[in-house]
């Protein structure tokens, strides 16, 4: 475990050595109830996190994807992609000359905007 992570854990959670855990599980349980979790160290190094069942379930729920939301995002993305089908088909049907003309037309507004910025400066 990295020193940064160890320091962050030690700052965020109460710390209990494995020896203290064995000797005083009731006290540790009260600490978990108060703080939601306890960092258990072994040889002064973070080894475990003991947490309440409620906090564990919260973490599980947070880690589970919301399939309704993911499904909605997928459907919206698919609709956007399918909506561009005609434009893509048109682009692939264009002659090289038409593609060149479209590129020049698309580039001209950018050049005009750059000149306006240079003149203002």
C-alpha atoms as a PDB file:
ATOM      1  CA  UNK A   1       0.000   0.000   0.000  1.00  0.00           C
ATOM      2  CA  UNK A   2       1.332   3.420  -0.887  1.00  0.00           C
ATOM      3  CA  UNK A   3       2.391   5.841   1.824  1.00  0.00           C
ATOM      4  CA  UNK A   4      -0.091   8.431   0.521  1.00  0.00           C
ATOM      5  CA  UNK A   5      -3.004   5.990   0.786  1.00  0.00           C
ATOM      6  CA  UNK A   6      -1.879   4.860   4.229  1.00  0.00           C
ATOM      7  CA  UNK A   7      -1.702   8.455   5.411  1.00  0.00           C
ATOM      8  CA  UNK A   8      -5.130   9.253   3.933  1.00  0.00           C
ATOM      9  CA  UNK A   9      -6.688   6.237   5.630  1.00  0.00           C
ATOM     10  CA  UNK A  10      -5.043   7.061   8.941  1.00  0.00           C
ATOM     11  CA  UNK A  11      -6.377  10.635   8.733  1.00  0.00           C
ATOM     12  CA  UNK A  12      -9.919   9.581   7.833  1.00  0.00           C
ATOM     13  CA  UNK A  13     -10.558   6.635  10.142  1.00  0.00           C
ATOM     14  CA  UNK A  14      -9.939   5.833  13.795  1.00  0.00           C
ATOM     15  CA  UNK A  15      -7.063   3.356  14.071  1.00  0.00           C
ATOM     16  CA  UNK A  16      -6.983   0.135  16.108  1.00  0.00           C
ATOM     17  CA  UNK A  17      -4.155  -2.369  16.248  1.00  0.00           C
ATOM     18  CA  UNK A  18      -4.937  -6.053  15.717  1.00  0.00           C
ATOM     19  CA  UNK A  19      -3.933  -6.667  19.352  1.00  0.00           C
ATOM     20  CA  UNK A  20      -6.413  -4.043  20.561  1.00  0.00           C
ATOM     21  CA  UNK A  21      -9.078  -5.593  18.365  1.00  0.00           C
ATOM     22  CA  UNK A  22      -8.642  -9.014  19.923  1.00  0.00           C
ATOM     23  CA  UNK A  23      -8.510  -7.585  23.441  1.00  0.00           C
ATOM     24  CA  UNK A  24     -11.372  -5.141  23.108  1.00  0.00           C
ATOM     25  CA  UNK A  25     -13.869  -6.058  20.414  1.00  0.00           C
ATOM     26  CA  UNK A  26     -16.712  -4.352  22.295  1.00  0.00           C
ATOM     27  CA  UNK A  27     -14.840  -1.057  22.443  1.00  0.00           C
ATOM     28  CA  UNK A  28     -13.959  -1.367  18.768  1.00  0.00           C
ATOM     29  CA  UNK A  29     -17.598  -2.131  17.984  1.00  0.00           C
ATOM     30  CA  UNK A  30     -18.670   1.072  19.735  1.00  0.00           C
ATOM     31  CA  UNK A  31     -16.088   3.005  17.740  1.00  0.00           C
ATOM     32  CA  UNK A  32     -17.435   1.506  14.499  1.00  0.00           C
ATOM     33  CA  UNK A  33     -20.965   2.438  15.575  1.00  0.00           C
ATOM     34  CA  UNK A  34     -19.836   6.013  16.260  1.00  0.00           C
ATOM     35  CA  UNK A  35     -17.614   6.588  13.203  1.00  0.00           C
ATOM     36  CA  UNK A  36     -18.998   4.066  10.705  1.00  0.00           C
ATOM     37  CA  UNK A  37     -15.621   2.370  10.243  1.00  0.00           C
ATOM     38  CA  UNK A  38     -12.312   1.684  11.952  1.00  0.00           C
ATOM     39  CA  UNK A  39      -8.893   1.207  10.397  1.00  0.00           C
ATOM     40  CA  UNK A  40      -7.194  -1.899  11.815  1.00  0.00           C
ATOM     41  CA  UNK A  41      -3.414  -1.849  11.697  1.00  0.00           C
ATOM     42  CA  UNK A  42      -0.902  -4.656  11.887  1.00  0.00           C
ATOM     43  CA  UNK A  43       2.653  -3.702  12.786  1.00  0.00           C
ATOM     44  CA  UNK A  44       1.645  -0.033  12.442  1.00  0.00           C
ATOM     45  CA  UNK A  45       0.529  -0.576   8.835  1.00  0.00           C
ATOM     46  CA  UNK A  46      -3.099  -0.379   7.624  1.00  0.00           C
ATOM     47  CA  UNK A  47      -4.354  -3.944   7.249  1.00  0.00           C
ATOM     48  CA  UNK A  48      -8.180  -3.908   7.367  1.00  0.00           C
ATOM     49  CA  UNK A  49     -11.178  -1.656   7.621  1.00  0.00           C
ATOM     50  CA  UNK A  50     -13.950  -2.787   9.942  1.00  0.00           C
ATOM     51  CA  UNK A  51     -17.263  -1.154   9.106  1.00  0.00           C
ATOM     52  CA  UNK A  52     -20.897  -1.375  10.029  1.00  0.00           C
ATOM     53  CA  UNK A  53     -23.227  -3.507   7.926  1.00  0.00           C
ATOM     54  CA  UNK A  54     -25.154  -0.352   7.035  1.00  0.00           C
ATOM     55  CA  UNK A  55     -22.032   1.330   5.649  1.00  0.00           C
ATOM     56  CA  UNK A  56     -21.068  -1.843   3.789  1.00  0.00           C
ATOM     57  CA  UNK A  57     -24.498  -1.981   2.134  1.00  0.00           C
ATOM     58  CA  UNK A  58     -24.197   1.704   1.182  1.00  0.00           C
ATOM     59  CA  UNK A  59     -20.872   0.965  -0.497  1.00  0.00           C
ATOM     60  CA  UNK A  60     -22.384  -1.985  -2.334  1.00  0.00           C
ATOM     61  CA  UNK A  61     -25.319   0.090  -3.574  1.00  0.00           C
ATOM     62  CA  UNK A  62     -22.977   2.878  -4.686  1.00  0.00           C
ATOM     63  CA  UNK A  63     -20.835   0.395  -6.629  1.00  0.00           C
ATOM     64  CA  UNK A  64     -23.781  -1.214  -8.435  1.00  0.00           C
ATOM     65  CA  UNK A  65     -24.637   0.404 -11.760  1.00  0.00           C
ATOM     66  CA  UNK A  66     -28.129   1.817 -12.100  1.00  0.00           C
ATOM     67  CA  UNK A  67     -29.266  -0.240 -15.063  1.00  0.00           C
ATOM     68  CA  UNK A  68     -32.186   2.076 -15.784  1.00  0.00           C
ATOM     69  CA  UNK A  69     -29.883   5.070 -16.113  1.00  0.00           C
ATOM     70  CA  UNK A  70     -27.296   3.131 -18.132  1.00  0.00           C
ATOM     71  CA  UNK A  71     -30.024   1.815 -20.436  1.00  0.00           C
ATOM     72  CA  UNK A  72     -31.331   5.340 -20.996  1.00  0.00           C
ATOM     73  CA  UNK A  73     -27.850   6.650 -21.790  1.00  0.00           C
ATOM     74  CA  UNK A  74     -27.274   3.795 -24.231  1.00  0.00           C
ATOM     75  CA  UNK A  75     -30.617   4.378 -25.971  1.00  0.00           C
ATOM     76  CA  UNK A  76     -29.882   8.119 -26.321  1.00  0.00           C
ATOM     77  CA  UNK A  77     -26.405   7.424 -27.740  1.00  0.00           C
ATOM     78  CA  UNK A  78     -27.777   4.863 -30.171  1.00  0.00           C
ATOM     79  CA  UNK A  79     -30.461   7.297 -31.334  1.00  0.00           C
ATOM     80  CA  UNK A  80     -27.818   9.996 -31.937  1.00  0.00           C
ATOM     81  CA  UNK A  81     -25.665   7.571 -33.894  1.00  0.00           C
ATOM     82  CA  UNK A  82     -28.583   6.314 -35.984  1.00  0.00           C
ATOM     83  CA  UNK A  83     -29.742   9.877 -36.635  1.00  0.00           C
ATOM     84  CA  UNK A  84     -26.472  10.577 -38.417  1.00  0.00           C
ATOM     85  CA  UNK A  85     -26.854   7.646 -40.795  1.00  0.00           C
ATOM     86  CA  UNK A  86     -28.170   9.726 -43.698  1.00  0.00           C
ATOM     87  CA  UNK A  87     -25.386  12.288 -43.343  1.00  0.00           C
ATOM     88  CA  UNK A  88     -22.747   9.547 -43.297  1.00  0.00           C
ATOM     89  CA  UNK A  89     -24.279   7.819 -46.315  1.00  0.00           C
ATOM     90  CA  UNK A  90     -24.329  11.156 -48.147  1.00  0.00           C
ATOM     91  CA  UNK A  91     -20.684  11.792 -47.238  1.00  0.00           C
ATOM     92  CA  UNK A  92     -19.585   8.407 -48.540  1.00  0.00           C
ATOM     93  CA  UNK A  93     -21.521   8.969 -51.770  1.00  0.00           C
ATOM     94  CA  UNK A  94     -19.801  12.312 -52.461  1.00  0.00           C
ATOM     95  CA  UNK A  95     -17.268  12.692 -55.238  1.00  0.00           C
ATOM     96  CA  UNK A  96     -13.748  13.744 -54.289  1.00  0.00           C
ATOM     97  CA  UNK A  97     -14.430  17.200 -55.738  1.00  0.00           C
ATOM     98  CA  UNK A  98     -17.570  17.602 -53.620  1.00  0.00           C
ATOM     99  CA  UNK A  99     -15.651  16.533 -50.499  1.00  0.00           C
ATOM    100  CA  UNK A 100     -12.992  19.147 -51.291  1.00  0.00           C
ATOM    101  CA  UNK A 101     -15.606  21.861 -51.740  1.00  0.00           C
ATOM    102  CA  UNK A 102     -17.298  20.916 -48.454  1.00  0.00           C
ATOM    103  CA  UNK A 103     -13.937  21.031 -46.656  1.00  0.00           C
ATOM    104  CA  UNK A 104     -13.138  24.477 -48.049  1.00  0.00           C
ATOM    105  CA  UNK A 105     -16.597  25.736 -47.121  1.00  0.00           C
ATOM    106  CA  UNK A 106     -16.256  24.403 -43.564  1.00  0.00           C
ATOM    107  CA  UNK A 107     -12.759  25.917 -43.168  1.00  0.00           C
ATOM    108  CA  UNK A 108     -13.618  29.448 -44.344  1.00  0.00           C
ATOM    109  CA  UNK A 109     -15.591  30.549 -41.241  1.00  0.00           C
ATOM    110  CA  UNK A 110     -12.689  29.517 -39.040  1.00  0.00           C
ATOM    111  CA  UNK A 111     -10.252  31.586 -41.086  1.00  0.00           C
ATOM    112  CA  UNK A 112     -12.543  34.611 -40.909  1.00  0.00           C
ATOM    113  CA  UNK A 113     -12.831  34.243 -37.133  1.00  0.00           C
ATOM    114  CA  UNK A 114      -9.041  34.033 -36.783  1.00  0.00           C
ATOM    115  CA  UNK A 115      -8.571  37.221 -38.818  1.00  0.00           C
ATOM    116  CA  UNK A 116     -11.125  39.039 -36.635  1.00  0.00           C
ATOM    117  CA  UNK A 117      -9.240  37.965 -33.508  1.00  0.00           C
ATOM    118  CA  UNK A 118      -5.912  39.127 -34.975  1.00  0.00           C
ATOM    119  CA  UNK A 119      -7.349  42.506 -35.967  1.00  0.00           C
ATOM    120  CA  UNK A 120      -8.800  43.014 -32.473  1.00  0.00           C
ATOM    121  CA  UNK A 121      -5.412  42.298 -30.891  1.00  0.00           C
END
